[in-house]
Amino acid sequence: MAALLDDPAWADQDMAALFSPGELSARRGGAGARGWLLGRLAAKAAAGRRWRLSPAEVEIKSGPAGRPWSFRASAPAGFISLSHTRGAAAAVAADRPVGVDLEPWSRPLSDRAWTWSFAPGERRLAESGGSFPARLALWCAKEAAAKSWGRALLDNLPRVRVAEADWPAGRLTVAWRGRGRKMSEVRLSRWDAYLVALAQSRPE
């Protein structure tokens, strides 16, 4: 995994050397431009570490359903998942499906969002969250697991359920309740002022 804090000193002309023409043509503008840049830089760093490549050798393209893939010389190198939030980004690279979510450690989850987004059994799991902000941890775990399955969480919220929580170990199990059985193991950690959830899909 690679995680980056934003640096105001980064200049567009310096960053352009790290991106292919295809990547630059897909670059977002407006309010999402900085997040796009930070997420792609984290993804290049993660892929470079995993497959021993320089960041300039890694090209991030969108695969099915918008899932990022890592490419080199037009050949797929493996799976990439990335997440960005205010001032930071994280990414993970692997040979099988993975997902990552990153949120500020102190981000609140309102009572309304909590009851709307989680089933009673999930809410009970938060009662012993230990050192983690339990509500946020469960949300990040769902987000990371959905990414590991190539799904958008908000489109599939009733189908993505946290089934087990081992808070002392920082590990959660998330299940897919739609067509086809899917499970992901999620590892929680703190990085700087952020909560990170890293999911790896179990082989089916």
N, C-alpha and C. Protein backbone atom coordinates (compact mmCIF):
# COMPACT_ATOMS: atom_id res chain seq x y z
N MET A 1 0.84 -1.19 0.00
CA MET A 1 0.00 0.00 0.00
C MET A 1 0.87 1.24 0.00
N ALA A 2 0.39 2.30 -0.60
CA ALA A 2 1.07 3.59 -0.59
C ALA A 2 0.07 4.64 -0.15
N ALA A 3 0.50 5.58 0.69
CA ALA A 3 -0.35 6.68 1.15
C ALA A 3 0.43 7.98 1.02
N LEU A 4 -0.26 9.03 0.61
CA LEU A 4 0.38 10.33 0.37
C LEU A 4 -0.43 11.44 1.01
N LEU A 5 0.28 12.41 1.59
CA LEU A 5 -0.33 13.66 1.99
C LEU A 5 -0.13 14.67 0.88
N ASP A 6 -1.11 15.53 0.67
CA ASP A 6 -1.00 16.54 -0.38
C ASP A 6 0.13 17.51 -0.06
N ASP A 7 0.77 17.99 -1.11
CA ASP A 7 1.87 18.94 -0.97
C ASP A 7 1.60 20.12 -1.90
N PRO A 8 1.33 21.29 -1.36
CA PRO A 8 1.03 22.46 -2.21
C PRO A 8 2.17 22.83 -3.15
N ALA A 9 3.38 22.33 -2.88
CA ALA A 9 4.52 22.68 -3.72
C ALA A 9 4.51 21.93 -5.05
N TRP A 10 3.71 20.86 -5.15
CA TRP A 10 3.66 20.13 -6.42
C TRP A 10 3.09 21.03 -7.51
N ALA A 11 3.79 21.07 -8.62
CA ALA A 11 3.35 21.88 -9.77
C ALA A 11 2.89 20.98 -10.89
N ASP A 12 1.90 21.45 -11.64
CA ASP A 12 1.35 20.64 -12.73
C ASP A 12 2.41 20.23 -13.73
N GLN A 13 3.33 21.16 -14.07
CA GLN A 13 4.32 20.82 -15.08
C GLN A 13 5.27 19.71 -14.61
N ASP A 14 5.53 19.65 -13.30
CA ASP A 14 6.38 18.58 -12.77
C ASP A 14 5.64 17.25 -12.77
N MET A 15 4.35 17.27 -12.45
CA MET A 15 3.57 16.05 -12.39
C MET A 15 3.33 15.46 -13.78
N ALA A 16 3.28 16.30 -14.78
CA ALA A 16 2.97 15.84 -16.14
C ALA A 16 3.97 14.80 -16.63
N ALA A 17 5.20 14.85 -16.15
CA ALA A 17 6.21 13.90 -16.59
C ALA A 17 5.91 12.48 -16.11
N LEU A 18 5.04 12.34 -15.11
CA LEU A 18 4.72 11.02 -14.56
C LEU A 18 3.51 10.37 -15.22
N PHE A 19 2.79 11.13 -16.05
CA PHE A 19 1.54 10.64 -16.61
C PHE A 19 1.63 10.48 -18.12
N SER A 20 0.97 9.43 -18.61
CA SER A 20 0.92 9.20 -20.04
C SER A 20 -0.08 10.16 -20.68
N PRO A 21 -0.04 10.33 -22.02
CA PRO A 21 -1.05 11.17 -22.67
C PRO A 21 -2.47 10.70 -22.40
N GLY A 22 -2.67 9.37 -22.35
CA GLY A 22 -4.00 8.85 -22.07
C GLY A 22 -4.48 9.20 -20.68
N GLU A 23 -3.58 9.14 -19.71
CA GLU A 23 -3.95 9.51 -18.35
C GLU A 23 -4.28 11.00 -18.27
N LEU A 24 -3.47 11.81 -18.91
CA LEU A 24 -3.70 13.26 -18.86
C LEU A 24 -5.02 13.63 -19.53
N SER A 25 -5.38 12.91 -20.58
CA SER A 25 -6.64 13.22 -21.27
C SER A 25 -7.85 12.85 -20.41
N ALA A 26 -7.66 11.91 -19.48
CA ALA A 26 -8.76 11.49 -18.61
C ALA A 26 -8.78 12.26 -17.31
N ARG A 27 -7.85 13.18 -17.14
CA ARG A 27 -7.73 13.90 -15.87
C ARG A 27 -8.97 14.75 -15.60
N ARG A 28 -9.41 14.73 -14.38
CA ARG A 28 -10.56 15.53 -13.97
C ARG A 28 -10.16 16.99 -13.79
N GLY A 29 -11.11 17.86 -14.05
CA GLY A 29 -10.91 19.28 -13.80
C GLY A 29 -11.76 19.74 -12.63
N GLY A 30 -11.71 21.02 -12.37
CA GLY A 30 -12.56 21.60 -11.34
C GLY A 30 -12.18 21.16 -9.94
N ALA A 31 -13.23 21.01 -9.09
CA ALA A 31 -13.01 20.73 -7.68
C ALA A 31 -12.36 19.37 -7.44
N GLY A 32 -12.56 18.43 -8.35
CA GLY A 32 -12.00 17.10 -8.14
C GLY A 32 -10.60 16.91 -8.69
N ALA A 33 -10.01 17.95 -9.26
CA ALA A 33 -8.71 17.80 -9.93
C ALA A 33 -7.60 17.38 -8.97
N ARG A 34 -7.56 18.02 -7.80
CA ARG A 34 -6.48 17.70 -6.87
C ARG A 34 -6.60 16.29 -6.32
N GLY A 35 -7.84 15.87 -6.02
CA GLY A 35 -8.05 14.51 -5.54
C GLY A 35 -7.68 13.48 -6.58
N TRP A 36 -8.03 13.76 -7.84
CA TRP A 36 -7.67 12.85 -8.93
C TRP A 36 -6.16 12.69 -9.00
N LEU A 37 -5.45 13.81 -8.96
CA LEU A 37 -3.99 13.77 -9.05
C LEU A 37 -3.39 13.00 -7.89
N LEU A 38 -3.84 13.28 -6.68
CA LEU A 38 -3.29 12.63 -5.51
C LEU A 38 -3.56 11.12 -5.53
N GLY A 39 -4.78 10.74 -5.91
CA GLY A 39 -5.11 9.32 -5.99
C GLY A 39 -4.28 8.58 -7.01
N ARG A 40 -4.08 9.20 -8.18
CA ARG A 40 -3.28 8.55 -9.22
C ARG A 40 -1.81 8.44 -8.82
N LEU A 41 -1.30 9.45 -8.13
CA LEU A 41 0.09 9.37 -7.66
C LEU A 41 0.25 8.24 -6.64
N ALA A 42 -0.70 8.10 -5.74
CA ALA A 42 -0.65 7.01 -4.77
C ALA A 42 -0.73 5.66 -5.48
N ALA A 43 -1.59 5.58 -6.50
CA ALA A 43 -1.74 4.32 -7.24
C ALA A 43 -0.45 3.96 -7.97
N LYS A 44 0.19 4.94 -8.57
CA LYS A 44 1.45 4.68 -9.26
C LYS A 44 2.52 4.22 -8.27
N ALA A 45 2.55 4.83 -7.10
CA ALA A 45 3.52 4.43 -6.08
C ALA A 45 3.26 3.01 -5.60
N ALA A 46 2.00 2.66 -5.37
CA ALA A 46 1.66 1.32 -4.90
C ALA A 46 2.00 0.27 -5.96
N ALA A 47 1.65 0.54 -7.22
CA ALA A 47 1.95 -0.40 -8.30
C ALA A 47 3.46 -0.52 -8.51
N GLY A 48 4.16 0.60 -8.41
CA GLY A 48 5.61 0.56 -8.57
C GLY A 48 6.27 -0.31 -7.52
N ARG A 49 5.82 -0.22 -6.30
CA ARG A 49 6.38 -1.06 -5.23
C ARG A 49 6.05 -2.52 -5.46
N ARG A 50 4.78 -2.78 -5.85
CA ARG A 50 4.35 -4.18 -5.99
C ARG A 50 5.05 -4.87 -7.14
N TRP A 51 5.22 -4.18 -8.27
CA TRP A 51 5.79 -4.82 -9.46
C TRP A 51 7.16 -4.29 -9.85
N ARG A 52 7.78 -3.54 -8.93
CA ARG A 52 9.14 -3.04 -9.12
C ARG A 52 9.27 -2.22 -10.41
N LEU A 53 8.43 -1.22 -10.49
CA LEU A 53 8.42 -0.32 -11.63
C LEU A 53 8.62 1.11 -11.14
N SER A 54 9.10 1.96 -12.01
CA SER A 54 9.13 3.38 -11.69
C SER A 54 7.72 3.93 -11.88
N PRO A 55 7.35 5.00 -11.16
CA PRO A 55 6.00 5.57 -11.33
C PRO A 55 5.68 5.93 -12.78
N ALA A 56 6.68 6.40 -13.53
CA ALA A 56 6.43 6.77 -14.92
C ALA A 56 6.11 5.56 -15.80
N GLU A 57 6.55 4.35 -15.37
CA GLU A 57 6.27 3.14 -16.14
C GLU A 57 4.85 2.61 -15.91
N VAL A 58 4.20 3.08 -14.87
CA VAL A 58 2.87 2.59 -14.52
C VAL A 58 1.83 3.51 -15.13
N GLU A 59 0.90 2.94 -15.86
CA GLU A 59 -0.20 3.70 -16.43
C GLU A 59 -1.50 3.20 -15.81
N ILE A 60 -2.25 4.11 -15.23
CA ILE A 60 -3.51 3.74 -14.59
C ILE A 60 -4.65 3.98 -15.56
N LYS A 61 -5.38 2.91 -15.88
CA LYS A 61 -6.54 3.01 -16.76
C LYS A 61 -7.76 2.47 -16.03
N SER A 62 -8.92 2.83 -16.52
CA SER A 62 -10.16 2.35 -15.93
C SER A 62 -10.60 1.09 -16.64
N GLY A 63 -10.88 0.05 -15.84
CA GLY A 63 -11.37 -1.20 -16.37
C GLY A 63 -12.89 -1.26 -16.29
N PRO A 64 -13.45 -2.48 -16.19
CA PRO A 64 -14.91 -2.63 -16.10
C PRO A 64 -15.47 -1.88 -14.90
N ALA A 65 -16.59 -1.23 -15.10
CA ALA A 65 -17.31 -0.49 -14.05
C ALA A 65 -16.46 0.61 -13.44
N GLY A 66 -15.45 1.08 -14.19
CA GLY A 66 -14.63 2.18 -13.71
C GLY A 66 -13.54 1.79 -12.74
N ARG A 67 -13.37 0.50 -12.47
CA ARG A 67 -12.33 0.06 -11.54
C ARG A 67 -10.95 0.35 -12.13
N PRO A 68 -10.07 0.99 -11.35
CA PRO A 68 -8.72 1.26 -11.89
C PRO A 68 -7.91 -0.02 -12.09
N TRP A 69 -7.18 -0.07 -13.16
CA TRP A 69 -6.24 -1.17 -13.42
C TRP A 69 -4.86 -0.57 -13.62
N SER A 70 -3.85 -1.37 -13.37
CA SER A 70 -2.47 -0.93 -13.60
C SER A 70 -1.98 -1.56 -14.90
N PHE A 71 -1.42 -0.74 -15.77
CA PHE A 71 -0.93 -1.22 -17.04
C PHE A 71 0.54 -0.84 -17.22
N ARG A 72 1.25 -1.65 -17.98
CA ARG A 72 2.59 -1.29 -18.44
C ARG A 72 2.71 -1.79 -19.87
N ALA A 73 3.10 -0.90 -20.76
CA ALA A 73 3.25 -1.26 -22.18
C ALA A 73 1.99 -1.94 -22.71
N SER A 74 0.83 -1.40 -22.32
CA SER A 74 -0.49 -1.86 -22.79
C SER A 74 -0.86 -3.26 -22.31
N ALA A 75 -0.08 -3.84 -21.39
CA ALA A 75 -0.41 -5.16 -20.85
C ALA A 75 -0.82 -5.00 -19.39
N PRO A 76 -1.94 -5.61 -18.98
CA PRO A 76 -2.37 -5.45 -17.60
C PRO A 76 -1.38 -6.06 -16.63
N ALA A 77 -1.06 -5.33 -15.56
CA ALA A 77 -0.12 -5.80 -14.55
C ALA A 77 -0.84 -6.30 -13.31
N GLY A 78 -2.06 -5.87 -13.07
CA GLY A 78 -2.77 -6.35 -11.90
C GLY A 78 -3.85 -5.40 -11.45
N PHE A 79 -4.30 -5.58 -10.21
CA PHE A 79 -5.42 -4.83 -9.68
C PHE A 79 -4.94 -3.64 -8.85
N ILE A 80 -5.66 -2.55 -8.97
CA ILE A 80 -5.38 -1.33 -8.22
C ILE A 80 -6.68 -0.86 -7.56
N SER A 81 -6.59 -0.41 -6.33
CA SER A 81 -7.70 0.31 -5.72
C SER A 81 -7.14 1.56 -5.10
N LEU A 82 -7.88 2.66 -5.20
CA LEU A 82 -7.40 3.92 -4.63
C LEU A 82 -8.54 4.66 -3.95
N SER A 83 -8.17 5.53 -3.03
CA SER A 83 -9.13 6.35 -2.30
C SER A 83 -8.47 7.67 -1.98
N HIS A 84 -9.23 8.75 -2.12
CA HIS A 84 -8.69 10.05 -1.72
C HIS A 84 -9.75 10.83 -0.96
N THR A 85 -9.29 11.63 -0.05
CA THR A 85 -10.14 12.47 0.78
C THR A 85 -9.42 13.78 1.00
N ARG A 86 -9.91 14.60 1.88
CA ARG A 86 -9.31 15.92 2.07
C ARG A 86 -7.83 15.81 2.44
N GLY A 87 -6.97 16.20 1.51
CA GLY A 87 -5.55 16.31 1.81
C GLY A 87 -4.74 15.04 1.78
N ALA A 88 -5.32 13.91 1.39
CA ALA A 88 -4.57 12.66 1.42
C ALA A 88 -5.16 11.65 0.44
N ALA A 89 -4.36 10.65 0.11
CA ALA A 89 -4.82 9.55 -0.75
C ALA A 89 -4.08 8.28 -0.36
N ALA A 90 -4.72 7.16 -0.63
CA ALA A 90 -4.10 5.85 -0.40
C ALA A 90 -4.44 4.95 -1.57
N ALA A 91 -3.55 4.00 -1.85
CA ALA A 91 -3.79 3.05 -2.94
C ALA A 91 -3.11 1.73 -2.60
N VAL A 92 -3.65 0.67 -3.16
CA VAL A 92 -3.08 -0.66 -2.96
C VAL A 92 -3.04 -1.36 -4.31
N ALA A 93 -2.00 -2.15 -4.52
CA ALA A 93 -1.82 -2.91 -5.76
C ALA A 93 -1.63 -4.39 -5.40
N ALA A 94 -2.25 -5.27 -6.17
CA ALA A 94 -2.16 -6.70 -5.88
C ALA A 94 -2.45 -7.51 -7.14
N ASP A 95 -2.19 -8.81 -7.06
CA ASP A 95 -2.46 -9.70 -8.18
C ASP A 95 -3.90 -10.20 -8.20
N ARG A 96 -4.64 -9.96 -7.11
CA ARG A 96 -6.05 -10.33 -7.09
C ARG A 96 -6.86 -9.16 -6.53
N PRO A 97 -8.18 -9.18 -6.68
CA PRO A 97 -8.99 -8.01 -6.33
C PRO A 97 -8.81 -7.53 -4.89
N VAL A 98 -8.64 -6.23 -4.77
CA VAL A 98 -8.46 -5.58 -3.48
C VAL A 98 -9.28 -4.28 -3.46
N GLY A 99 -9.46 -3.73 -2.27
CA GLY A 99 -10.15 -2.45 -2.14
C GLY A 99 -9.59 -1.68 -0.97
N VAL A 100 -9.58 -0.36 -1.08
CA VAL A 100 -9.09 0.48 0.01
C VAL A 100 -10.01 1.68 0.18
N ASP A 101 -10.18 2.10 1.42
CA ASP A 101 -10.91 3.32 1.70
C ASP A 101 -10.15 4.11 2.76
N LEU A 102 -10.16 5.43 2.60
CA LEU A 102 -9.41 6.33 3.47
C LEU A 102 -10.33 7.47 3.89
N GLU A 103 -10.40 7.73 5.19
CA GLU A 103 -11.22 8.83 5.69
C GLU A 103 -10.52 9.49 6.87
N PRO A 104 -10.76 10.79 7.09
CA PRO A 104 -10.21 11.43 8.29
C PRO A 104 -10.69 10.70 9.55
N TRP A 105 -9.77 10.43 10.46
CA TRP A 105 -10.07 9.67 11.68
C TRP A 105 -11.23 10.28 12.45
N SER A 106 -11.33 11.60 12.45
CA SER A 106 -12.34 12.28 13.25
C SER A 106 -13.63 12.57 12.48
N ARG A 107 -13.77 12.05 11.27
CA ARG A 107 -14.99 12.31 10.50
C ARG A 107 -16.21 11.74 11.21
N PRO A 108 -17.23 12.56 11.46
CA PRO A 108 -18.43 12.04 12.15
C PRO A 108 -19.36 11.32 11.17
N LEU A 109 -20.12 10.39 11.70
CA LEU A 109 -21.18 9.74 10.93
C LEU A 109 -22.47 10.00 11.71
N SER A 110 -23.36 10.75 11.13
CA SER A 110 -24.55 11.21 11.84
C SER A 110 -25.44 10.03 12.25
N ASP A 111 -26.29 10.27 13.25
CA ASP A 111 -27.22 9.23 13.68
C ASP A 111 -28.14 8.80 12.54
N ARG A 112 -28.55 9.77 11.74
CA ARG A 112 -29.43 9.45 10.61
C ARG A 112 -28.72 8.55 9.60
N ALA A 113 -27.49 8.90 9.25
CA ALA A 113 -26.74 8.07 8.30
C ALA A 113 -26.45 6.71 8.90
N TRP A 114 -26.19 6.66 10.18
CA TRP A 114 -25.88 5.41 10.87
C TRP A 114 -27.06 4.44 10.81
N THR A 115 -28.25 4.92 11.14
CA THR A 115 -29.41 4.03 11.13
C THR A 115 -29.87 3.68 9.73
N TRP A 116 -29.66 4.59 8.78
CA TRP A 116 -30.07 4.35 7.40
C TRP A 116 -29.13 3.38 6.70
N SER A 117 -27.85 3.41 7.05
CA SER A 117 -26.84 2.66 6.30
C SER A 117 -26.52 1.29 6.87
N PHE A 118 -26.91 1.03 8.12
CA PHE A 118 -26.50 -0.21 8.78
C PHE A 118 -27.69 -0.94 9.38
N ALA A 119 -27.67 -2.25 9.25
CA ALA A 119 -28.70 -3.09 9.84
C ALA A 119 -28.48 -3.19 11.36
N PRO A 120 -29.52 -3.57 12.12
CA PRO A 120 -29.36 -3.67 13.58
C PRO A 120 -28.18 -4.53 14.01
N GLY A 121 -27.97 -5.66 13.34
CA GLY A 121 -26.85 -6.52 13.69
C GLY A 121 -25.50 -5.85 13.49
N GLU A 122 -25.39 -5.04 12.45
CA GLU A 122 -24.16 -4.30 12.22
C GLU A 122 -23.95 -3.25 13.30
N ARG A 123 -25.03 -2.58 13.67
CA ARG A 123 -24.92 -1.53 14.69
C ARG A 123 -24.49 -2.11 16.02
N ARG A 124 -24.90 -3.35 16.30
CA ARG A 124 -24.46 -3.98 17.55
C ARG A 124 -22.95 -4.24 17.54
N LEU A 125 -22.39 -4.49 16.37
CA LEU A 125 -20.95 -4.74 16.29
C LEU A 125 -20.15 -3.51 16.71
N ALA A 126 -20.75 -2.34 16.58
CA ALA A 126 -20.04 -1.10 16.91
C ALA A 126 -19.97 -0.85 18.41
N GLU A 127 -20.70 -1.62 19.19
CA GLU A 127 -20.74 -1.37 20.63
C GLU A 127 -19.41 -1.65 21.31
N SER A 128 -18.54 -2.44 20.67
CA SER A 128 -17.24 -2.76 21.28
C SER A 128 -16.10 -2.41 20.31
N GLY A 129 -16.17 -1.22 19.75
CA GLY A 129 -15.20 -0.81 18.72
C GLY A 129 -13.79 -0.58 19.21
N GLY A 130 -13.58 -0.60 20.51
CA GLY A 130 -12.23 -0.46 21.05
C GLY A 130 -11.61 0.88 20.70
N SER A 131 -10.40 0.85 20.18
CA SER A 131 -9.67 2.09 19.89
C SER A 131 -10.06 2.71 18.56
N PHE A 132 -10.88 2.04 17.77
CA PHE A 132 -11.29 2.57 16.48
C PHE A 132 -12.59 3.38 16.60
N PRO A 133 -12.74 4.42 15.76
CA PRO A 133 -14.06 5.07 15.68
C PRO A 133 -15.01 4.10 14.96
N ALA A 134 -15.82 3.38 15.73
CA ALA A 134 -16.49 2.19 15.23
C ALA A 134 -17.43 2.46 14.06
N ARG A 135 -18.22 3.53 14.14
CA ARG A 135 -19.15 3.81 13.05
C ARG A 135 -18.39 4.05 11.74
N LEU A 136 -17.39 4.88 11.82
CA LEU A 136 -16.61 5.19 10.62
C LEU A 136 -15.89 3.95 10.12
N ALA A 137 -15.38 3.13 11.03
CA ALA A 137 -14.66 1.91 10.64
C ALA A 137 -15.57 0.96 9.87
N LEU A 138 -16.81 0.81 10.34
CA LEU A 138 -17.74 -0.06 9.63
C LEU A 138 -18.06 0.48 8.24
N TRP A 139 -18.22 1.80 8.14
CA TRP A 139 -18.48 2.40 6.83
C TRP A 139 -17.30 2.18 5.89
N CYS A 140 -16.09 2.45 6.37
CA CYS A 140 -14.91 2.28 5.52
C CYS A 140 -14.73 0.83 5.11
N ALA A 141 -15.04 -0.09 6.03
CA ALA A 141 -14.93 -1.52 5.70
C ALA A 141 -15.88 -1.89 4.58
N LYS A 142 -17.11 -1.38 4.63
CA LYS A 142 -18.06 -1.64 3.55
C LYS A 142 -17.56 -1.06 2.23
N GLU A 143 -17.06 0.16 2.29
CA GLU A 143 -16.58 0.81 1.07
C GLU A 143 -15.43 0.03 0.46
N ALA A 144 -14.46 -0.38 1.28
CA ALA A 144 -13.31 -1.12 0.77
C ALA A 144 -13.72 -2.47 0.21
N ALA A 145 -14.63 -3.17 0.91
CA ALA A 145 -15.08 -4.48 0.43
C ALA A 145 -15.80 -4.36 -0.91
N ALA A 146 -16.69 -3.36 -1.02
CA ALA A 146 -17.42 -3.16 -2.28
C ALA A 146 -16.44 -2.91 -3.42
N LYS A 147 -15.39 -2.14 -3.18
CA LYS A 147 -14.38 -1.90 -4.21
C LYS A 147 -13.68 -3.20 -4.60
N SER A 148 -13.44 -4.06 -3.61
CA SER A 148 -12.74 -5.32 -3.93
C SER A 148 -13.58 -6.23 -4.82
N TRP A 149 -14.90 -6.00 -4.82
CA TRP A 149 -15.80 -6.76 -5.70
C TRP A 149 -16.13 -6.01 -6.97
N GLY A 150 -15.56 -4.83 -7.16
CA GLY A 150 -15.86 -4.04 -8.34
C GLY A 150 -17.24 -3.43 -8.30
N ARG A 151 -17.76 -3.14 -7.10
CA ARG A 151 -19.10 -2.59 -6.94
C ARG A 151 -19.05 -1.18 -6.35
N ALA A 152 -20.07 -0.40 -6.63
CA ALA A 152 -20.22 0.91 -6.01
C ALA A 152 -21.07 0.73 -4.75
N LEU A 153 -20.57 1.13 -3.61
CA LEU A 153 -21.26 0.88 -2.35
C LEU A 153 -22.65 1.51 -2.32
N LEU A 154 -22.77 2.78 -2.69
CA LEU A 154 -24.05 3.46 -2.56
C LEU A 154 -25.13 2.83 -3.44
N ASP A 155 -24.72 2.18 -4.53
CA ASP A 155 -25.69 1.50 -5.40
C ASP A 155 -26.10 0.14 -4.84
N ASN A 156 -25.36 -0.36 -3.87
CA ASN A 156 -25.58 -1.72 -3.37
C ASN A 156 -25.59 -1.81 -1.85
N LEU A 157 -25.91 -0.71 -1.19
CA LEU A 157 -25.77 -0.64 0.27
C LEU A 157 -26.50 -1.76 1.01
N PRO A 158 -27.76 -2.13 0.66
CA PRO A 158 -28.42 -3.19 1.42
C PRO A 158 -27.76 -4.56 1.25
N ARG A 159 -26.96 -4.73 0.20
CA ARG A 159 -26.35 -6.03 -0.07
C ARG A 159 -24.98 -6.21 0.58
N VAL A 160 -24.40 -5.12 1.05
CA VAL A 160 -23.06 -5.17 1.64
C VAL A 160 -23.20 -5.10 3.16
N ARG A 161 -22.87 -6.19 3.85
CA ARG A 161 -23.07 -6.26 5.29
C ARG A 161 -21.78 -6.66 6.01
N VAL A 162 -21.49 -5.97 7.11
CA VAL A 162 -20.39 -6.38 7.98
C VAL A 162 -20.90 -7.55 8.82
N ALA A 163 -20.25 -8.72 8.67
CA ALA A 163 -20.73 -9.94 9.32
C ALA A 163 -20.04 -10.21 10.64
N GLU A 164 -18.75 -9.86 10.75
CA GLU A 164 -17.99 -10.14 11.96
C GLU A 164 -17.02 -9.00 12.21
N ALA A 165 -16.70 -8.80 13.50
CA ALA A 165 -15.73 -7.77 13.87
C ALA A 165 -14.83 -8.27 14.98
N ASP A 166 -13.54 -8.25 14.74
CA ASP A 166 -12.53 -8.54 15.75
C ASP A 166 -11.80 -7.22 16.00
N TRP A 167 -12.36 -6.39 16.89
CA TRP A 167 -11.82 -5.05 17.08
C TRP A 167 -10.39 -5.04 17.62
N PRO A 168 -10.03 -5.89 18.59
CA PRO A 168 -8.64 -5.86 19.06
C PRO A 168 -7.62 -6.12 17.96
N ALA A 169 -7.99 -6.98 17.01
CA ALA A 169 -7.09 -7.29 15.89
C ALA A 169 -7.25 -6.31 14.74
N GLY A 170 -8.29 -5.46 14.78
CA GLY A 170 -8.54 -4.53 13.68
C GLY A 170 -8.95 -5.23 12.40
N ARG A 171 -9.76 -6.29 12.54
CA ARG A 171 -10.17 -7.07 11.36
C ARG A 171 -11.68 -7.22 11.33
N LEU A 172 -12.26 -7.00 10.14
CA LEU A 172 -13.69 -7.16 9.93
C LEU A 172 -13.92 -8.10 8.75
N THR A 173 -15.04 -8.79 8.78
CA THR A 173 -15.45 -9.63 7.66
C THR A 173 -16.71 -9.01 7.06
N VAL A 174 -16.69 -8.79 5.75
CA VAL A 174 -17.81 -8.16 5.05
C VAL A 174 -18.34 -9.14 4.01
N ALA A 175 -19.65 -9.26 3.94
CA ALA A 175 -20.30 -10.22 3.04
C ALA A 175 -21.16 -9.51 2.02
N TRP A 176 -21.24 -10.10 0.84
CA TRP A 176 -22.13 -9.65 -0.23
C TRP A 176 -23.38 -10.50 -0.18
N ARG A 177 -24.54 -9.87 -0.10
CA ARG A 177 -25.80 -10.58 0.03
C ARG A 177 -26.63 -10.52 -1.25
N GLY A 178 -26.01 -10.25 -2.36
CA GLY A 178 -26.70 -10.28 -3.63
C GLY A 178 -26.49 -11.63 -4.31
N ARG A 179 -26.71 -11.66 -5.60
CA ARG A 179 -26.51 -12.90 -6.36
C ARG A 179 -25.03 -13.27 -6.35
N GLY A 180 -24.72 -14.50 -5.99
CA GLY A 180 -23.33 -14.94 -5.91
C GLY A 180 -22.75 -14.60 -4.55
N ARG A 181 -22.13 -15.57 -3.91
CA ARG A 181 -21.59 -15.35 -2.56
C ARG A 181 -20.20 -14.73 -2.66
N LYS A 182 -19.99 -13.64 -1.93
CA LYS A 182 -18.69 -12.98 -1.89
C LYS A 182 -18.38 -12.60 -0.45
N MET A 183 -17.11 -12.71 -0.10
CA MET A 183 -16.66 -12.30 1.22
C MET A 183 -15.34 -11.56 1.07
N SER A 184 -15.13 -10.58 1.93
CA SER A 184 -13.85 -9.88 1.97
C SER A 184 -13.40 -9.74 3.42
N GLU A 185 -12.10 -9.92 3.61
CA GLU A 185 -11.49 -9.65 4.91
C GLU A 185 -10.92 -8.23 4.86
N VAL A 186 -11.24 -7.44 5.88
CA VAL A 186 -10.84 -6.04 5.92
C VAL A 186 -9.93 -5.81 7.12
N ARG A 187 -8.80 -5.18 6.87
CA ARG A 187 -7.86 -4.82 7.93
C ARG A 187 -7.91 -3.32 8.15
N LEU A 188 -8.07 -2.91 9.38
CA LEU A 188 -8.14 -1.49 9.74
C LEU A 188 -6.81 -1.02 10.31
N SER A 189 -6.47 0.22 10.03
CA SER A 189 -5.25 0.79 10.61
C SER A 189 -5.39 2.31 10.65
N ARG A 190 -4.53 2.92 11.44
CA ARG A 190 -4.47 4.38 11.48
C ARG A 190 -3.18 4.81 10.80
N TRP A 191 -3.31 5.78 9.90
CA TRP A 191 -2.16 6.37 9.23
C TRP A 191 -2.29 7.89 9.34
N ASP A 192 -1.33 8.51 9.99
CA ASP A 192 -1.38 9.94 10.23
C ASP A 192 -2.72 10.26 10.91
N ALA A 193 -3.50 11.18 10.36
CA ALA A 193 -4.80 11.53 10.96
C ALA A 193 -5.95 10.84 10.23
N TYR A 194 -5.70 9.68 9.65
CA TYR A 194 -6.69 9.02 8.80
C TYR A 194 -6.91 7.57 9.22
N LEU A 195 -8.11 7.11 8.96
CA LEU A 195 -8.46 5.70 9.12
C LEU A 195 -8.37 5.04 7.75
N VAL A 196 -7.70 3.90 7.68
CA VAL A 196 -7.54 3.17 6.43
C VAL A 196 -8.17 1.79 6.58
N ALA A 197 -8.99 1.42 5.62
CA ALA A 197 -9.57 0.07 5.55
C ALA A 197 -9.07 -0.60 4.27
N LEU A 198 -8.44 -1.74 4.43
CA LEU A 198 -7.87 -2.47 3.29
C LEU A 198 -8.56 -3.82 3.19
N ALA A 199 -9.23 -4.06 2.07
CA ALA A 199 -10.01 -5.29 1.87
C ALA A 199 -9.37 -6.18 0.83
N GLN A 200 -9.41 -7.47 1.10
CA GLN A 200 -8.96 -8.46 0.12
C GLN A 200 -10.07 -9.48 -0.05
N SER A 201 -10.51 -9.65 -1.28
CA SER A 201 -11.60 -10.54 -1.57
C SER A 201 -11.15 -12.00 -1.41
N ARG A 202 -11.96 -12.80 -0.73
CA ARG A 202 -11.65 -14.22 -0.60
C ARG A 202 -11.85 -14.91 -1.94
N PRO A 203 -10.99 -15.89 -2.26
CA PRO A 203 -11.24 -16.66 -3.50
C PRO A 203 -12.57 -17.37 -3.40
N GLU A 204 -13.31 -17.37 -4.51
CA GLU A 204 -14.63 -18.03 -4.52
C GLU A 204 -14.49 -19.48 -4.91
